[in-house]
Amino acid sequence: MKTNSREKTLAIAVALSLAVLIGDQYVLTPLQKLWSQRSGRIASLKQQLEKGKVRLGREQFLHARWNSMRTNTLPADVSVAESKLQVAVDQWRQASSITVSSIKPQWKQNLEDYSLLECQTETAGNMQSVARYLYAMEKDPLPLQIENVAIVSRDNEGQQLTLHASFTALQLTNTSK
């Protein structure tokens, strides 16, 4: 009789162990994976929501900047656009009392809604005139992006500097957007 009771107890223990094992394999583990996936998705959505809130907060600024770029874009005519850029470089030169030794414009076209006028300038002056030139360039209403700036000293004291600046100017081909 004792062995029968012991067998029942062992059978119940084995059945419980199997139930726990099966429950872990087919219920608990898949639920944990699902929960961790959902937690990752929730974190991703929260991050996207924060980015969206930041963008909404900057909406007015971005619209104003885009409208400024659309209205101040280079003209569609290539020669007029290059002339407008030449006038802008001359204005920066006058505002800074710097000497412009070369201007090398080059068109980068075959872009869908816009073209870029890549330009490399080489100028010379003192630290103050170089700083004023860069400031005038940055504050110009033309939609420019300064790509590269290199300042090299031409004398031992660093009084005479050469500024190599590469920038692109935007020409929108479809301004209705």
N, C-alpha and C. Protein backbone atom coordinates (compact mmCIF):
# COMPACT_ATOMS: atom_id res chain seq x y z
N MET A 1 0.81 -1.18 0.00
CA MET A 1 0.00 0.00 0.00
C MET A 1 0.86 1.25 0.00
N LYS A 2 1.98 1.16 0.72
CA LYS A 2 2.86 2.32 0.76
C LYS A 2 3.45 2.59 -0.62
N THR A 3 3.83 1.58 -1.34
CA THR A 3 4.40 1.77 -2.67
C THR A 3 3.37 2.38 -3.61
N ASN A 4 2.14 2.03 -3.49
CA ASN A 4 1.09 2.57 -4.33
C ASN A 4 0.95 4.07 -4.07
N SER A 5 0.97 4.44 -2.82
CA SER A 5 0.88 5.86 -2.44
C SER A 5 2.12 6.62 -2.93
N ARG A 6 3.26 5.96 -2.79
CA ARG A 6 4.50 6.58 -3.26
C ARG A 6 4.48 6.76 -4.78
N GLU A 7 3.96 5.78 -5.48
CA GLU A 7 3.86 5.86 -6.93
C GLU A 7 2.93 7.00 -7.35
N LYS A 8 1.82 7.14 -6.63
CA LYS A 8 0.88 8.23 -6.93
C LYS A 8 1.56 9.58 -6.71
N THR A 9 2.31 9.69 -5.63
CA THR A 9 3.00 10.94 -5.32
C THR A 9 4.04 11.24 -6.39
N LEU A 10 4.78 10.22 -6.81
CA LEU A 10 5.77 10.41 -7.87
C LEU A 10 5.10 10.77 -9.20
N ALA A 11 3.99 10.14 -9.48
CA ALA A 11 3.26 10.42 -10.73
C ALA A 11 2.75 11.86 -10.72
N ILE A 12 2.24 12.28 -9.57
CA ILE A 12 1.76 13.67 -9.45
C ILE A 12 2.93 14.64 -9.59
N ALA A 13 4.07 14.32 -8.98
CA ALA A 13 5.26 15.19 -9.07
C ALA A 13 5.76 15.26 -10.52
N VAL A 14 5.78 14.13 -11.20
CA VAL A 14 6.21 14.10 -12.60
C VAL A 14 5.23 14.90 -13.46
N ALA A 15 3.93 14.72 -13.22
CA ALA A 15 2.92 15.46 -13.98
C ALA A 15 3.05 16.96 -13.74
N LEU A 16 3.26 17.37 -12.51
CA LEU A 16 3.44 18.79 -12.19
C LEU A 16 4.70 19.33 -12.85
N SER A 17 5.77 18.55 -12.81
CA SER A 17 7.03 18.97 -13.44
C SER A 17 6.85 19.14 -14.94
N LEU A 18 6.16 18.18 -15.57
CA LEU A 18 5.88 18.29 -17.00
C LEU A 18 5.00 19.50 -17.31
N ALA A 19 4.01 19.74 -16.46
CA ALA A 19 3.12 20.90 -16.66
C ALA A 19 3.91 22.20 -16.55
N VAL A 20 4.80 22.29 -15.58
CA VAL A 20 5.64 23.49 -15.41
C VAL A 20 6.56 23.65 -16.62
N LEU A 21 7.18 22.57 -17.06
CA LEU A 21 8.07 22.62 -18.21
C LEU A 21 7.33 23.04 -19.48
N ILE A 22 6.20 22.43 -19.72
CA ILE A 22 5.39 22.77 -20.89
C ILE A 22 4.89 24.22 -20.78
N GLY A 23 4.46 24.62 -19.62
CA GLY A 23 4.00 26.00 -19.41
C GLY A 23 5.12 27.00 -19.66
N ASP A 24 6.32 26.65 -19.21
CA ASP A 24 7.47 27.55 -19.44
C ASP A 24 7.81 27.62 -20.92
N GLN A 25 7.85 26.46 -21.58
CA GLN A 25 8.23 26.40 -22.98
C GLN A 25 7.21 27.06 -23.90
N TYR A 26 5.93 26.82 -23.66
CA TYR A 26 4.89 27.23 -24.61
C TYR A 26 4.06 28.43 -24.17
N VAL A 27 4.19 28.86 -22.93
CA VAL A 27 3.39 29.99 -22.47
C VAL A 27 4.29 31.13 -21.98
N LEU A 28 5.09 30.86 -20.98
CA LEU A 28 5.86 31.91 -20.33
C LEU A 28 6.94 32.50 -21.24
N THR A 29 7.75 31.67 -21.88
CA THR A 29 8.83 32.15 -22.75
C THR A 29 8.28 32.96 -23.94
N PRO A 30 7.25 32.48 -24.65
CA PRO A 30 6.71 33.30 -25.74
C PRO A 30 6.12 34.63 -25.24
N LEU A 31 5.48 34.61 -24.08
CA LEU A 31 4.94 35.85 -23.53
C LEU A 31 6.06 36.83 -23.18
N GLN A 32 7.16 36.32 -22.62
CA GLN A 32 8.28 37.21 -22.30
C GLN A 32 8.87 37.82 -23.55
N LYS A 33 9.02 37.02 -24.61
CA LYS A 33 9.51 37.56 -25.88
C LYS A 33 8.57 38.62 -26.43
N LEU A 34 7.29 38.34 -26.37
CA LEU A 34 6.29 39.30 -26.85
C LEU A 34 6.34 40.59 -26.05
N TRP A 35 6.46 40.48 -24.74
CA TRP A 35 6.54 41.66 -23.89
C TRP A 35 7.79 42.48 -24.19
N SER A 36 8.91 41.81 -24.38
CA SER A 36 10.14 42.55 -24.68
C SER A 36 10.05 43.22 -26.06
N GLN A 37 9.45 42.54 -27.04
CA GLN A 37 9.27 43.16 -28.35
C GLN A 37 8.37 44.38 -28.26
N ARG A 38 7.30 44.24 -27.52
CA ARG A 38 6.37 45.38 -27.37
C ARG A 38 7.03 46.52 -26.61
N SER A 39 7.84 46.19 -25.63
CA SER A 39 8.56 47.24 -24.88
C SER A 39 9.50 48.00 -25.82
N GLY A 40 10.20 47.26 -26.68
CA GLY A 40 11.07 47.91 -27.67
C GLY A 40 10.29 48.77 -28.62
N ARG A 41 9.15 48.28 -29.08
CA ARG A 41 8.30 49.05 -30.00
C ARG A 41 7.77 50.30 -29.31
N ILE A 42 7.36 50.18 -28.06
CA ILE A 42 6.87 51.34 -27.30
C ILE A 42 7.98 52.37 -27.14
N ALA A 43 9.20 51.92 -26.83
CA ALA A 43 10.32 52.85 -26.69
C ALA A 43 10.59 53.56 -28.02
N SER A 44 10.52 52.81 -29.12
CA SER A 44 10.73 53.40 -30.45
C SER A 44 9.65 54.44 -30.76
N LEU A 45 8.42 54.11 -30.46
CA LEU A 45 7.31 55.05 -30.70
C LEU A 45 7.43 56.30 -29.83
N LYS A 46 7.87 56.11 -28.59
CA LYS A 46 8.07 57.27 -27.71
C LYS A 46 9.15 58.19 -28.27
N GLN A 47 10.22 57.59 -28.80
CA GLN A 47 11.29 58.38 -29.40
C GLN A 47 10.79 59.13 -30.63
N GLN A 48 10.02 58.46 -31.46
CA GLN A 48 9.45 59.12 -32.64
C GLN A 48 8.50 60.24 -32.23
N LEU A 49 7.74 60.02 -31.18
CA LEU A 49 6.83 61.04 -30.68
C LEU A 49 7.59 62.27 -30.20
N GLU A 50 8.69 62.05 -29.49
CA GLU A 50 9.51 63.17 -29.02
C GLU A 50 10.10 63.96 -30.20
N LYS A 51 10.58 63.23 -31.22
CA LYS A 51 11.10 63.91 -32.41
C LYS A 51 10.01 64.72 -33.08
N GLY A 52 8.81 64.16 -33.15
CA GLY A 52 7.69 64.88 -33.74
C GLY A 52 7.34 66.13 -32.96
N LYS A 53 7.37 66.04 -31.64
CA LYS A 53 7.09 67.22 -30.80
C LYS A 53 8.13 68.32 -31.03
N VAL A 54 9.40 67.89 -31.15
CA VAL A 54 10.46 68.87 -31.41
C VAL A 54 10.24 69.55 -32.76
N ARG A 55 9.88 68.74 -33.76
CA ARG A 55 9.64 69.30 -35.09
C ARG A 55 8.45 70.24 -35.08
N LEU A 56 7.40 69.87 -34.36
CA LEU A 56 6.24 70.75 -34.28
C LEU A 56 6.61 72.06 -33.58
N GLY A 57 7.47 71.96 -32.59
CA GLY A 57 7.92 73.16 -31.90
C GLY A 57 8.75 74.07 -32.80
N ARG A 58 9.44 73.47 -33.78
CA ARG A 58 10.27 74.24 -34.70
C ARG A 58 9.56 74.56 -36.01
N GLU A 59 8.27 74.22 -36.10
CA GLU A 59 7.54 74.36 -37.35
C GLU A 59 7.58 75.77 -37.90
N GLN A 60 7.31 76.76 -37.06
CA GLN A 60 7.32 78.14 -37.55
C GLN A 60 8.69 78.54 -38.08
N PHE A 61 9.73 78.19 -37.33
CA PHE A 61 11.08 78.51 -37.77
C PHE A 61 11.41 77.85 -39.09
N LEU A 62 11.05 76.56 -39.21
CA LEU A 62 11.36 75.82 -40.44
C LEU A 62 10.58 76.37 -41.63
N HIS A 63 9.31 76.74 -41.41
CA HIS A 63 8.54 77.34 -42.51
C HIS A 63 9.13 78.68 -42.92
N ALA A 64 9.52 79.48 -41.95
CA ALA A 64 10.13 80.78 -42.27
C ALA A 64 11.44 80.59 -43.02
N ARG A 65 12.24 79.64 -42.58
CA ARG A 65 13.52 79.37 -43.25
C ARG A 65 13.29 78.86 -44.67
N TRP A 66 12.32 77.97 -44.85
CA TRP A 66 12.02 77.44 -46.17
C TRP A 66 11.51 78.55 -47.10
N ASN A 67 10.63 79.40 -46.58
CA ASN A 67 10.13 80.51 -47.40
C ASN A 67 11.26 81.45 -47.78
N SER A 68 12.18 81.69 -46.87
CA SER A 68 13.34 82.53 -47.17
C SER A 68 14.19 81.88 -48.26
N MET A 69 14.39 80.59 -48.16
CA MET A 69 15.19 79.89 -49.17
C MET A 69 14.48 79.92 -50.53
N ARG A 70 13.17 79.76 -50.53
CA ARG A 70 12.42 79.78 -51.79
C ARG A 70 12.46 81.16 -52.44
N THR A 71 12.35 82.20 -51.64
CA THR A 71 12.32 83.54 -52.22
C THR A 71 13.71 84.05 -52.59
N ASN A 72 14.74 83.57 -51.91
CA ASN A 72 16.09 84.05 -52.18
C ASN A 72 16.93 83.07 -53.00
N THR A 73 16.31 82.06 -53.56
CA THR A 73 17.04 81.07 -54.34
C THR A 73 17.66 81.73 -55.57
N LEU A 74 18.66 81.09 -56.11
CA LEU A 74 19.29 81.61 -57.32
C LEU A 74 18.28 81.56 -58.47
N PRO A 75 18.35 82.52 -59.39
CA PRO A 75 17.45 82.52 -60.54
C PRO A 75 17.65 81.29 -61.42
N ALA A 76 16.64 80.98 -62.23
CA ALA A 76 16.69 79.79 -63.10
C ALA A 76 17.72 79.92 -64.21
N ASP A 77 17.96 81.13 -64.68
CA ASP A 77 18.94 81.36 -65.74
C ASP A 77 20.36 81.22 -65.15
N VAL A 78 21.16 80.36 -65.75
CA VAL A 78 22.49 80.05 -65.23
C VAL A 78 23.38 81.29 -65.14
N SER A 79 23.41 82.09 -66.21
CA SER A 79 24.30 83.26 -66.21
C SER A 79 23.84 84.30 -65.19
N VAL A 80 22.53 84.46 -65.04
CA VAL A 80 22.01 85.41 -64.05
C VAL A 80 22.31 84.89 -62.64
N ALA A 81 22.20 83.58 -62.44
CA ALA A 81 22.50 83.00 -61.13
C ALA A 81 23.96 83.19 -60.77
N GLU A 82 24.86 82.93 -61.73
CA GLU A 82 26.28 83.13 -61.47
C GLU A 82 26.59 84.59 -61.20
N SER A 83 25.91 85.48 -61.92
CA SER A 83 26.10 86.92 -61.70
C SER A 83 25.63 87.31 -60.30
N LYS A 84 24.49 86.76 -59.87
CA LYS A 84 23.98 87.06 -58.54
C LYS A 84 24.95 86.59 -57.46
N LEU A 85 25.53 85.42 -57.66
CA LEU A 85 26.52 84.92 -56.71
C LEU A 85 27.77 85.80 -56.72
N GLN A 86 28.18 86.23 -57.90
CA GLN A 86 29.36 87.12 -58.02
C GLN A 86 29.10 88.43 -57.26
N VAL A 87 27.89 88.97 -57.40
CA VAL A 87 27.53 90.21 -56.68
C VAL A 87 27.57 89.97 -55.18
N ALA A 88 27.07 88.81 -54.73
CA ALA A 88 27.09 88.51 -53.30
C ALA A 88 28.52 88.42 -52.78
N VAL A 89 29.40 87.75 -53.53
CA VAL A 89 30.81 87.64 -53.12
C VAL A 89 31.43 89.03 -53.06
N ASP A 90 31.09 89.88 -54.01
CA ASP A 90 31.62 91.25 -54.01
C ASP A 90 31.11 92.03 -52.80
N GLN A 91 29.85 91.82 -52.42
CA GLN A 91 29.31 92.48 -51.22
C GLN A 91 30.03 92.00 -49.96
N TRP A 92 30.31 90.70 -49.88
CA TRP A 92 31.03 90.18 -48.73
C TRP A 92 32.44 90.78 -48.69
N ARG A 93 33.05 90.92 -49.86
CA ARG A 93 34.39 91.48 -49.95
C ARG A 93 34.40 92.93 -49.46
N GLN A 94 33.40 93.70 -49.90
CA GLN A 94 33.33 95.10 -49.49
C GLN A 94 33.05 95.24 -48.00
N ALA A 95 32.21 94.37 -47.46
CA ALA A 95 31.87 94.43 -46.04
C ALA A 95 33.06 94.05 -45.16
N SER A 96 34.03 93.32 -45.70
CA SER A 96 35.11 92.81 -44.87
C SER A 96 36.48 93.38 -45.21
N SER A 97 36.59 94.13 -46.32
CA SER A 97 37.88 94.67 -46.76
C SER A 97 38.90 93.56 -47.00
N ILE A 98 38.46 92.49 -47.59
CA ILE A 98 39.32 91.35 -47.88
C ILE A 98 39.62 91.36 -49.38
N THR A 99 40.71 90.73 -49.78
CA THR A 99 41.07 90.63 -51.19
C THR A 99 40.66 89.26 -51.71
N VAL A 100 39.84 89.25 -52.74
CA VAL A 100 39.41 87.99 -53.35
C VAL A 100 40.33 87.72 -54.53
N SER A 101 41.05 86.61 -54.47
CA SER A 101 41.99 86.30 -55.55
C SER A 101 41.41 85.34 -56.58
N SER A 102 40.47 84.48 -56.18
CA SER A 102 39.85 83.61 -57.18
C SER A 102 38.48 83.15 -56.73
N ILE A 103 37.62 82.98 -57.72
CA ILE A 103 36.28 82.43 -57.52
C ILE A 103 36.09 81.36 -58.59
N LYS A 104 35.77 80.16 -58.16
CA LYS A 104 35.59 79.05 -59.11
C LYS A 104 34.20 78.44 -58.93
N PRO A 105 33.22 78.92 -59.69
CA PRO A 105 31.88 78.32 -59.60
C PRO A 105 31.77 77.09 -60.51
N GLN A 106 30.98 76.13 -60.07
CA GLN A 106 30.74 74.93 -60.88
C GLN A 106 29.35 74.40 -60.54
N TRP A 107 28.55 74.17 -61.58
CA TRP A 107 27.19 73.70 -61.40
C TRP A 107 27.15 72.20 -61.15
N LYS A 108 26.30 71.81 -60.21
CA LYS A 108 26.02 70.41 -59.95
C LYS A 108 24.53 70.22 -60.23
N GLN A 109 24.24 69.70 -61.41
CA GLN A 109 22.84 69.59 -61.82
C GLN A 109 22.40 68.14 -61.82
N ASN A 110 21.36 67.86 -62.57
CA ASN A 110 20.77 66.53 -62.65
C ASN A 110 20.15 66.10 -61.32
N LEU A 111 19.77 67.05 -60.52
CA LEU A 111 19.06 66.75 -59.30
C LEU A 111 17.58 67.02 -59.57
N GLU A 112 16.71 66.34 -58.87
CA GLU A 112 15.30 66.35 -59.22
C GLU A 112 14.65 67.73 -59.16
N ASP A 113 14.66 68.37 -58.01
CA ASP A 113 13.94 69.63 -57.84
C ASP A 113 14.86 70.83 -57.63
N TYR A 114 16.13 70.62 -57.69
CA TYR A 114 17.05 71.73 -57.42
C TYR A 114 18.38 71.49 -58.10
N SER A 115 19.14 72.56 -58.19
CA SER A 115 20.52 72.49 -58.66
C SER A 115 21.38 73.20 -57.62
N LEU A 116 22.64 72.85 -57.59
CA LEU A 116 23.57 73.48 -56.67
C LEU A 116 24.69 74.14 -57.45
N LEU A 117 25.03 75.34 -57.05
CA LEU A 117 26.18 76.03 -57.62
C LEU A 117 27.29 75.91 -56.58
N GLU A 118 28.22 75.01 -56.84
CA GLU A 118 29.35 74.83 -55.93
C GLU A 118 30.39 75.89 -56.27
N CYS A 119 30.91 76.51 -55.24
CA CYS A 119 31.85 77.60 -55.46
C CYS A 119 33.01 77.49 -54.49
N GLN A 120 34.21 77.74 -55.02
CA GLN A 120 35.41 77.77 -54.19
C GLN A 120 36.02 79.15 -54.34
N THR A 121 36.28 79.79 -53.21
CA THR A 121 36.90 81.11 -53.25
C THR A 121 38.22 81.06 -52.49
N GLU A 122 39.12 81.90 -52.95
CA GLU A 122 40.39 82.08 -52.25
C GLU A 122 40.52 83.56 -51.99
N THR A 123 40.68 83.91 -50.72
CA THR A 123 40.76 85.31 -50.32
C THR A 123 41.96 85.51 -49.41
N ALA A 124 42.34 86.76 -49.23
CA ALA A 124 43.47 87.07 -48.37
C ALA A 124 43.16 88.32 -47.55
N GLY A 125 43.63 88.32 -46.32
CA GLY A 125 43.43 89.47 -45.44
C GLY A 125 43.91 89.14 -44.04
N ASN A 126 43.61 90.04 -43.12
CA ASN A 126 43.99 89.78 -41.72
C ASN A 126 42.86 89.03 -41.02
N MET A 127 43.06 88.70 -39.76
CA MET A 127 42.10 87.89 -39.01
C MET A 127 40.73 88.58 -38.95
N GLN A 128 40.73 89.89 -38.74
CA GLN A 128 39.47 90.61 -38.62
C GLN A 128 38.71 90.60 -39.94
N SER A 129 39.40 90.81 -41.05
CA SER A 129 38.71 90.82 -42.34
C SER A 129 38.22 89.43 -42.72
N VAL A 130 38.98 88.39 -42.38
CA VAL A 130 38.54 87.02 -42.64
C VAL A 130 37.28 86.71 -41.83
N ALA A 131 37.27 87.12 -40.57
CA ALA A 131 36.09 86.89 -39.72
C ALA A 131 34.88 87.65 -40.25
N ARG A 132 35.06 88.89 -40.66
CA ARG A 132 33.94 89.67 -41.21
C ARG A 132 33.43 89.07 -42.51
N TYR A 133 34.35 88.55 -43.34
CA TYR A 133 33.97 87.91 -44.61
C TYR A 133 33.10 86.68 -44.34
N LEU A 134 33.55 85.83 -43.41
CA LEU A 134 32.77 84.63 -43.07
C LEU A 134 31.42 85.00 -42.47
N TYR A 135 31.40 86.04 -41.65
CA TYR A 135 30.14 86.48 -41.05
C TYR A 135 29.18 86.99 -42.14
N ALA A 136 29.69 87.79 -43.06
CA ALA A 136 28.86 88.31 -44.15
C ALA A 136 28.33 87.16 -45.01
N MET A 137 29.18 86.18 -45.23
CA MET A 137 28.77 85.01 -46.02
C MET A 137 27.64 84.26 -45.31
N GLU A 138 27.81 84.06 -44.02
CA GLU A 138 26.82 83.30 -43.25
C GLU A 138 25.50 84.04 -43.13
N LYS A 139 25.53 85.36 -43.03
CA LYS A 139 24.31 86.15 -42.82
C LYS A 139 23.63 86.56 -44.12
N ASP A 140 24.22 86.24 -45.24
CA ASP A 140 23.62 86.60 -46.54
C ASP A 140 22.29 85.87 -46.71
N PRO A 141 21.28 86.53 -47.28
CA PRO A 141 19.98 85.86 -47.46
C PRO A 141 19.99 84.75 -48.51
N LEU A 142 21.03 84.69 -49.35
CA LEU A 142 21.10 83.59 -50.31
C LEU A 142 21.13 82.26 -49.56
N PRO A 143 20.44 81.25 -50.10
CA PRO A 143 20.49 79.94 -49.43
C PRO A 143 21.83 79.26 -49.69
N LEU A 144 22.76 79.47 -48.78
CA LEU A 144 24.12 78.93 -48.91
C LEU A 144 24.38 77.88 -47.84
N GLN A 145 25.26 76.98 -48.17
CA GLN A 145 25.79 76.04 -47.18
C GLN A 145 27.29 76.05 -47.30
N ILE A 146 27.95 76.46 -46.24
CA ILE A 146 29.41 76.48 -46.23
C ILE A 146 29.88 75.04 -46.02
N GLU A 147 30.62 74.54 -46.97
CA GLU A 147 31.05 73.14 -46.96
C GLU A 147 32.41 72.97 -46.27
N ASN A 148 33.34 73.88 -46.58
CA ASN A 148 34.70 73.69 -46.10
C ASN A 148 35.36 75.07 -45.97
N VAL A 149 36.11 75.24 -44.91
CA VAL A 149 36.86 76.48 -44.68
C VAL A 149 38.26 76.10 -44.22
N ALA A 150 39.26 76.70 -44.87
CA ALA A 150 40.65 76.48 -44.45
C ALA A 150 41.32 77.85 -44.38
N ILE A 151 41.92 78.14 -43.25
CA ILE A 151 42.62 79.41 -43.04
C ILE A 151 44.10 79.08 -42.86
N VAL A 152 44.92 79.69 -43.70
CA VAL A 152 46.36 79.43 -43.69
C VAL A 152 47.09 80.76 -43.51
N SER A 153 48.08 80.75 -42.64
CA SER A 153 48.90 81.95 -42.43
C SER A 153 49.89 82.11 -43.57
N ARG A 154 50.05 83.37 -44.04
CA ARG A 154 51.01 83.63 -45.11
C ARG A 154 52.29 84.26 -44.59
N ASP A 155 52.33 84.59 -43.31
CA ASP A 155 53.55 85.14 -42.71
C ASP A 155 53.80 84.46 -41.37
N ASN A 156 54.95 84.74 -40.79
CA ASN A 156 55.34 84.09 -39.54
C ASN A 156 54.53 84.58 -38.34
N GLU A 157 54.04 85.81 -38.38
CA GLU A 157 53.29 86.36 -37.25
C GLU A 157 51.81 86.02 -37.30
N GLY A 158 51.34 85.52 -38.42
CA GLY A 158 49.92 85.20 -38.55
C GLY A 158 49.06 86.41 -38.82
N GLN A 159 49.65 87.48 -39.30
CA GLN A 159 48.90 88.70 -39.59
C GLN A 159 48.21 88.63 -40.95
N GLN A 160 48.85 88.00 -41.90
CA GLN A 160 48.28 87.85 -43.24
C GLN A 160 47.80 86.42 -43.41
N LEU A 161 46.51 86.28 -43.68
CA LEU A 161 45.90 84.96 -43.78
C LEU A 161 45.32 84.74 -45.17
N THR A 162 45.29 83.50 -45.57
CA THR A 162 44.60 83.10 -46.80
C THR A 162 43.42 82.23 -46.39
N LEU A 163 42.27 82.56 -46.92
CA LEU A 163 41.05 81.82 -46.62
C LEU A 163 40.60 81.08 -47.87
N HIS A 164 40.51 79.76 -47.76
CA HIS A 164 39.95 78.93 -48.82
C HIS A 164 38.57 78.51 -48.34
N ALA A 165 37.53 78.93 -49.05
CA ALA A 165 36.16 78.59 -48.64
C ALA A 165 35.45 77.88 -49.79
N SER A 166 34.80 76.79 -49.45
CA SER A 166 33.96 76.07 -50.41
C SER A 166 32.53 76.12 -49.90
N PHE A 167 31.60 76.49 -50.77
CA PHE A 167 30.21 76.56 -50.38
C PHE A 167 29.33 76.23 -51.57
N THR A 168 28.07 75.93 -51.27
CA THR A 168 27.09 75.67 -52.32
C THR A 168 25.93 76.63 -52.16
N ALA A 169 25.42 77.07 -53.31
CA ALA A 169 24.24 77.94 -53.33
C ALA A 169 23.12 77.15 -53.99
N LEU A 170 21.92 77.36 -53.51
CA LEU A 170 20.76 76.59 -53.95
C LEU A 170 19.99 77.28 -55.06
N GLN A 171 19.62 76.51 -56.06
CA GLN A 171 18.74 76.97 -57.13
C GLN A 171 17.58 75.98 -57.19
N LEU A 172 16.40 76.42 -56.80
CA LEU A 172 15.22 75.56 -56.84
C LEU A 172 14.63 75.62 -58.24
N THR A 173 14.35 74.45 -58.79
CA THR A 173 13.76 74.41 -60.13
C THR A 173 12.23 74.34 -60.05
N ASN A 174 11.71 73.95 -58.88
CA ASN A 174 10.26 73.90 -58.69
C ASN A 174 9.97 74.53 -57.34
N THR A 175 9.59 75.80 -57.31
CA THR A 175 9.40 76.53 -56.07
C THR A 175 7.96 76.50 -55.58
N SER A 176 7.10 75.69 -56.19
CA SER A 176 5.71 75.68 -55.80
C SER A 176 5.44 74.88 -54.53
N LYS A 177 6.37 74.06 -54.11
CA LYS A 177 6.16 73.21 -52.93
C LYS A 177 6.30 73.97 -51.66
